[in-house]
Amino acid sequence: MIEWSVTIAAIAFIFLVIFLILTLRKLTETISETKETLSDARKSVNSITDEAEELIHEANKISDDVKGKMEAVDPLIDSVHDVGDMLHDVTSSIKRTALKKEDRKTIHTQDAQDSEPLRIKLK
């Protein structure tokens, strides 16, 4: 009986070892595939990183160019602003002058045939 038990235990151990060997082979294949995938991912990340650095450098160049152009346009914008302020002052002055003169002005035409004079009221 002990011989049968030892034989059955040995057979079970052999099956267990065979199962572990098959499992370890599959695990080795999976690890190898994972290693290849990680290597490809590293290569892709490195190329993307290089492209991103080039893109950042180009963006910096464009930003510097835009800053320079904005600085060149600033005096023009200031001049336009000054002209706008001047026009505002002139129109305000005209409005104040017109409001101070509440009497109607009469403009005579050269044509004497008109019976009524032309009147313009300034507001």
C-alpha atoms as a PDB file:
ATOM      1  CA  MET A   1       0.000   0.000   0.000  1.00  0.00           C
ATOM      2  CA  ILE A   2       2.799   2.410   0.758  1.00  0.00           C
ATOM      3  CA  GLU A   3       4.297   1.638  -2.627  1.00  0.00           C
ATOM      4  CA  TRP A   4       1.011   2.583  -4.314  1.00  0.00           C
ATOM      5  CA  SER A   5       0.808   5.804  -2.320  1.00  0.00           C
ATOM      6  CA  VAL A   6       4.388   6.715  -3.174  1.00  0.00           C
ATOM      7  CA  THR A   7       3.739   5.924  -6.870  1.00  0.00           C
ATOM      8  CA  ILE A   8       0.580   8.060  -6.918  1.00  0.00           C
ATOM      9  CA  ALA A   9       2.405  10.898  -5.130  1.00  0.00           C
ATOM     10  CA  ALA A  10       5.285  10.651  -7.645  1.00  0.00           C
ATOM     11  CA  ILE A  11       2.859  10.724 -10.601  1.00  0.00           C
ATOM     12  CA  ALA A  12       1.029  13.718  -9.073  1.00  0.00           C
ATOM     13  CA  PHE A  13       4.363  15.455  -8.539  1.00  0.00           C
ATOM     14  CA  ILE A  14       5.354  14.811 -12.186  1.00  0.00           C
ATOM     15  CA  PHE A  15       2.025  16.292 -13.402  1.00  0.00           C
ATOM     16  CA  LEU A  16       2.534  19.264 -11.104  1.00  0.00           C
ATOM     17  CA  VAL A  17       6.065  19.837 -12.422  1.00  0.00           C
ATOM     18  CA  ILE A  18       4.847  19.536 -16.047  1.00  0.00           C
ATOM     19  CA  PHE A  19       2.033  22.030 -15.338  1.00  0.00           C
ATOM     20  CA  LEU A  20       4.494  24.446 -13.679  1.00  0.00           C
ATOM     21  CA  ILE A  21       6.898  24.145 -16.635  1.00  0.00           C
ATOM     22  CA  LEU A  22       4.092  24.960 -19.113  1.00  0.00           C
ATOM     23  CA  THR A  23       2.957  27.875 -16.956  1.00  0.00           C
ATOM     24  CA  LEU A  24       6.500  29.242 -16.673  1.00  0.00           C
ATOM     25  CA  ARG A  25       6.955  28.993 -20.473  1.00  0.00           C
ATOM     26  CA  LYS A  26       3.753  31.002 -21.031  1.00  0.00           C
ATOM     27  CA  LEU A  27       4.880  33.509 -18.421  1.00  0.00           C
ATOM     28  CA  THR A  28       8.271  33.819 -20.155  1.00  0.00           C
ATOM     29  CA  GLU A  29       6.554  34.457 -23.511  1.00  0.00           C
ATOM     30  CA  THR A  30       4.295  37.074 -21.935  1.00  0.00           C
ATOM     31  CA  ILE A  31       7.241  38.827 -20.297  1.00  0.00           C
ATOM     32  CA  SER A  32       9.148  38.792 -23.596  1.00  0.00           C
ATOM     33  CA  GLU A  33       6.171  40.359 -25.426  1.00  0.00           C
ATOM     34  CA  THR A  34       5.832  42.947 -22.667  1.00  0.00           C
ATOM     35  CA  LYS A  35       9.520  43.782 -22.983  1.00  0.00           C
ATOM     36  CA  GLU A  36       9.143  44.306 -26.741  1.00  0.00           C
ATOM     37  CA  THR A  37       6.055  46.455 -26.226  1.00  0.00           C
ATOM     38  CA  LEU A  38       7.838  48.620 -23.651  1.00  0.00           C
ATOM     39  CA  SER A  39      10.831  48.996 -25.975  1.00  0.00           C
ATOM     40  CA  ASP A  40       8.530  50.163 -28.808  1.00  0.00           C
ATOM     41  CA  ALA A  41       6.743  52.521 -26.412  1.00  0.00           C
ATOM     42  CA  ARG A  42      10.062  54.032 -25.313  1.00  0.00           C
ATOM     43  CA  LYS A  43      11.070  54.620 -28.930  1.00  0.00           C
ATOM     44  CA  SER A  44       7.704  56.268 -29.647  1.00  0.00           C
ATOM     45  CA  VAL A  45       7.899  58.439 -26.543  1.00  0.00           C
ATOM     46  CA  ASN A  46      11.439  59.523 -27.420  1.00  0.00           C
ATOM     47  CA  SER A  47      10.423  60.533 -30.940  1.00  0.00           C
ATOM     48  CA  ILE A  48       7.346  62.346 -29.616  1.00  0.00           C
ATOM     49  CA  THR A  49       9.511  64.120 -27.054  1.00  0.00           C
ATOM     50  CA  ASP A  50      11.890  65.306 -29.771  1.00  0.00           C
ATOM     51  CA  GLU A  51       8.972  66.572 -31.863  1.00  0.00           C
ATOM     52  CA  ALA A  52       7.444  68.284 -28.832  1.00  0.00           C
ATOM     53  CA  GLU A  53      10.736  70.065 -28.107  1.00  0.00           C
ATOM     54  CA  GLU A  54      10.921  71.278 -31.713  1.00  0.00           C
ATOM     55  CA  LEU A  55       7.318  72.446 -31.498  1.00  0.00           C
ATOM     56  CA  ILE A  56       8.024  74.354 -28.272  1.00  0.00           C
ATOM     57  CA  HIS A  57      11.053  76.043 -29.863  1.00  0.00           C
ATOM     58  CA  GLU A  58       8.970  77.057 -32.893  1.00  0.00           C
ATOM     59  CA  ALA A  59       6.197  78.355 -30.614  1.00  0.00           C
ATOM     60  CA  ASN A  60       8.757  80.438 -28.719  1.00  0.00           C
ATOM     61  CA  LYS A  61      10.067  81.889 -31.991  1.00  0.00           C
ATOM     62  CA  ILE A  62       6.541  82.750 -33.115  1.00  0.00           C
ATOM     63  CA  SER A  63       5.784  84.295 -29.723  1.00  0.00           C
ATOM     64  CA  ASP A  64       8.912  86.467 -29.923  1.00  0.00           C
ATOM     65  CA  ASP A  65       7.985  87.523 -33.469  1.00  0.00           C
ATOM     66  CA  VAL A  66       4.461  88.464 -32.409  1.00  0.00           C
ATOM     67  CA  LYS A  67       5.803  90.429 -29.429  1.00  0.00           C
ATOM     68  CA  GLY A  68       8.149  92.362 -31.718  1.00  0.00           C
ATOM     69  CA  LYS A  69       5.352  93.159 -34.152  1.00  0.00           C
ATOM     70  CA  MET A  70       3.053  94.254 -31.324  1.00  0.00           C
ATOM     71  CA  GLU A  71       5.760  96.565 -30.004  1.00  0.00           C
ATOM     72  CA  ALA A  72       6.133  98.024 -33.500  1.00  0.00           C
ATOM     73  CA  VAL A  73       2.364  98.663 -33.724  1.00  0.00           C
ATOM     74  CA  ASP A  74       2.028 100.162 -30.227  1.00  0.00           C
ATOM     75  CA  PRO A  75       3.047 103.724 -31.284  1.00  0.00           C
ATOM     76  CA  LEU A  76       0.450 103.611 -34.066  1.00  0.00           C
ATOM     77  CA  ILE A  77      -2.237 102.525 -31.633  1.00  0.00           C
ATOM     78  CA  ASP A  78      -1.204 105.290 -29.243  1.00  0.00           C
ATOM     79  CA  SER A  79      -1.448 107.829 -32.084  1.00  0.00           C
ATOM     80  CA  VAL A  80      -4.909 106.607 -33.048  1.00  0.00           C
ATOM     81  CA  HIS A  81      -5.933 106.842 -29.407  1.00  0.00           C
ATOM     82  CA  ASP A  82      -4.640 110.412 -29.244  1.00  0.00           C
ATOM     83  CA  VAL A  83      -6.533 111.331 -32.430  1.00  0.00           C
ATOM     84  CA  GLY A  84      -9.677 109.800 -30.932  1.00  0.00           C
ATOM     85  CA  ASP A  85      -9.229 111.840 -27.753  1.00  0.00           C
ATOM     86  CA  MET A  86      -8.672 114.982 -29.806  1.00  0.00           C
ATOM     87  CA  LEU A  87     -11.822 114.348 -31.886  1.00  0.00           C
ATOM     88  CA  HIS A  88     -13.771 113.732 -28.703  1.00  0.00           C
ATOM     89  CA  ASP A  89     -12.541 117.026 -27.269  1.00  0.00           C
ATOM     90  CA  VAL A  90     -13.446 118.886 -30.478  1.00  0.00           C
ATOM     91  CA  THR A  91     -16.943 117.417 -30.656  1.00  0.00           C
ATOM     92  CA  SER A  92     -17.492 118.096 -26.964  1.00  0.00           C
ATOM     93  CA  SER A  93     -16.379 121.687 -27.469  1.00  0.00           C
ATOM     94  CA  ILE A  94     -18.723 122.100 -30.440  1.00  0.00           C
ATOM     95  CA  LYS A  95     -21.607 120.634 -28.438  1.00  0.00           C
ATOM     96  CA  ARG A  96     -20.935 122.973 -25.532  1.00  0.00           C
ATOM     97  CA  THR A  97     -20.723 125.957 -27.862  1.00  0.00           C
ATOM     98  CA  ALA A  98     -23.942 124.967 -29.593  1.00  0.00           C
ATOM     99  CA  LEU A  99     -25.758 124.513 -26.301  1.00  0.00           C
ATOM    100  CA  LYS A 100     -24.629 127.929 -25.079  1.00  0.00           C
ATOM    101  CA  LYS A 101     -26.145 129.606 -28.108  1.00  0.00           C
ATOM    102  CA  GLU A 102     -29.811 128.978 -27.800  1.00  0.00           C
ATOM    103  CA  ASP A 103     -30.883 131.675 -30.198  1.00  0.00           C
ATOM    104  CA  ARG A 104     -31.695 130.674 -33.760  1.00  0.00           C
ATOM    105  CA  LYS A 105     -29.430 131.627 -36.552  1.00  0.00           C
ATOM    106  CA  THR A 106     -30.854 132.905 -39.811  1.00  0.00           C
ATOM    107  CA  ILE A 107     -29.105 132.158 -43.059  1.00  0.00           C
ATOM    108  CA  HIS A 108     -30.071 134.266 -46.053  1.00  0.00           C
ATOM    109  CA  THR A 109     -29.874 132.681 -49.442  1.00  0.00           C
ATOM    110  CA  GLN A 110     -28.632 134.541 -52.489  1.00  0.00           C
ATOM    111  CA  ASP A 111     -31.882 133.874 -54.281  1.00  0.00           C
ATOM    112  CA  ALA A 112     -34.190 136.771 -53.475  1.00  0.00           C
ATOM    113  CA  GLN A 113     -37.234 134.949 -54.831  1.00  0.00           C
ATOM    114  CA  ASP A 114     -37.613 132.834 -51.696  1.00  0.00           C
ATOM    115  CA  SER A 115     -40.123 134.418 -49.425  1.00  0.00           C
ATOM    116  CA  GLU A 116     -39.058 132.715 -46.194  1.00  0.00           C
ATOM    117  CA  PRO A 117     -35.525 132.702 -44.830  1.00  0.00           C
ATOM    118  CA  LEU A 118     -33.914 129.350 -44.079  1.00  0.00           C
ATOM    119  CA  ARG A 119     -33.516 128.780 -40.324  1.00  0.00           C
ATOM    120  CA  ILE A 120     -31.162 126.280 -38.726  1.00  0.00           C
ATOM    121  CA  LYS A 121     -31.336 125.570 -35.038  1.00  0.00           C
ATOM    122  CA  LEU A 122     -28.161 124.172 -33.498  1.00  0.00           C
ATOM    123  CA  LYS A 123     -28.586 121.740 -30.626  1.00  0.00           C
END
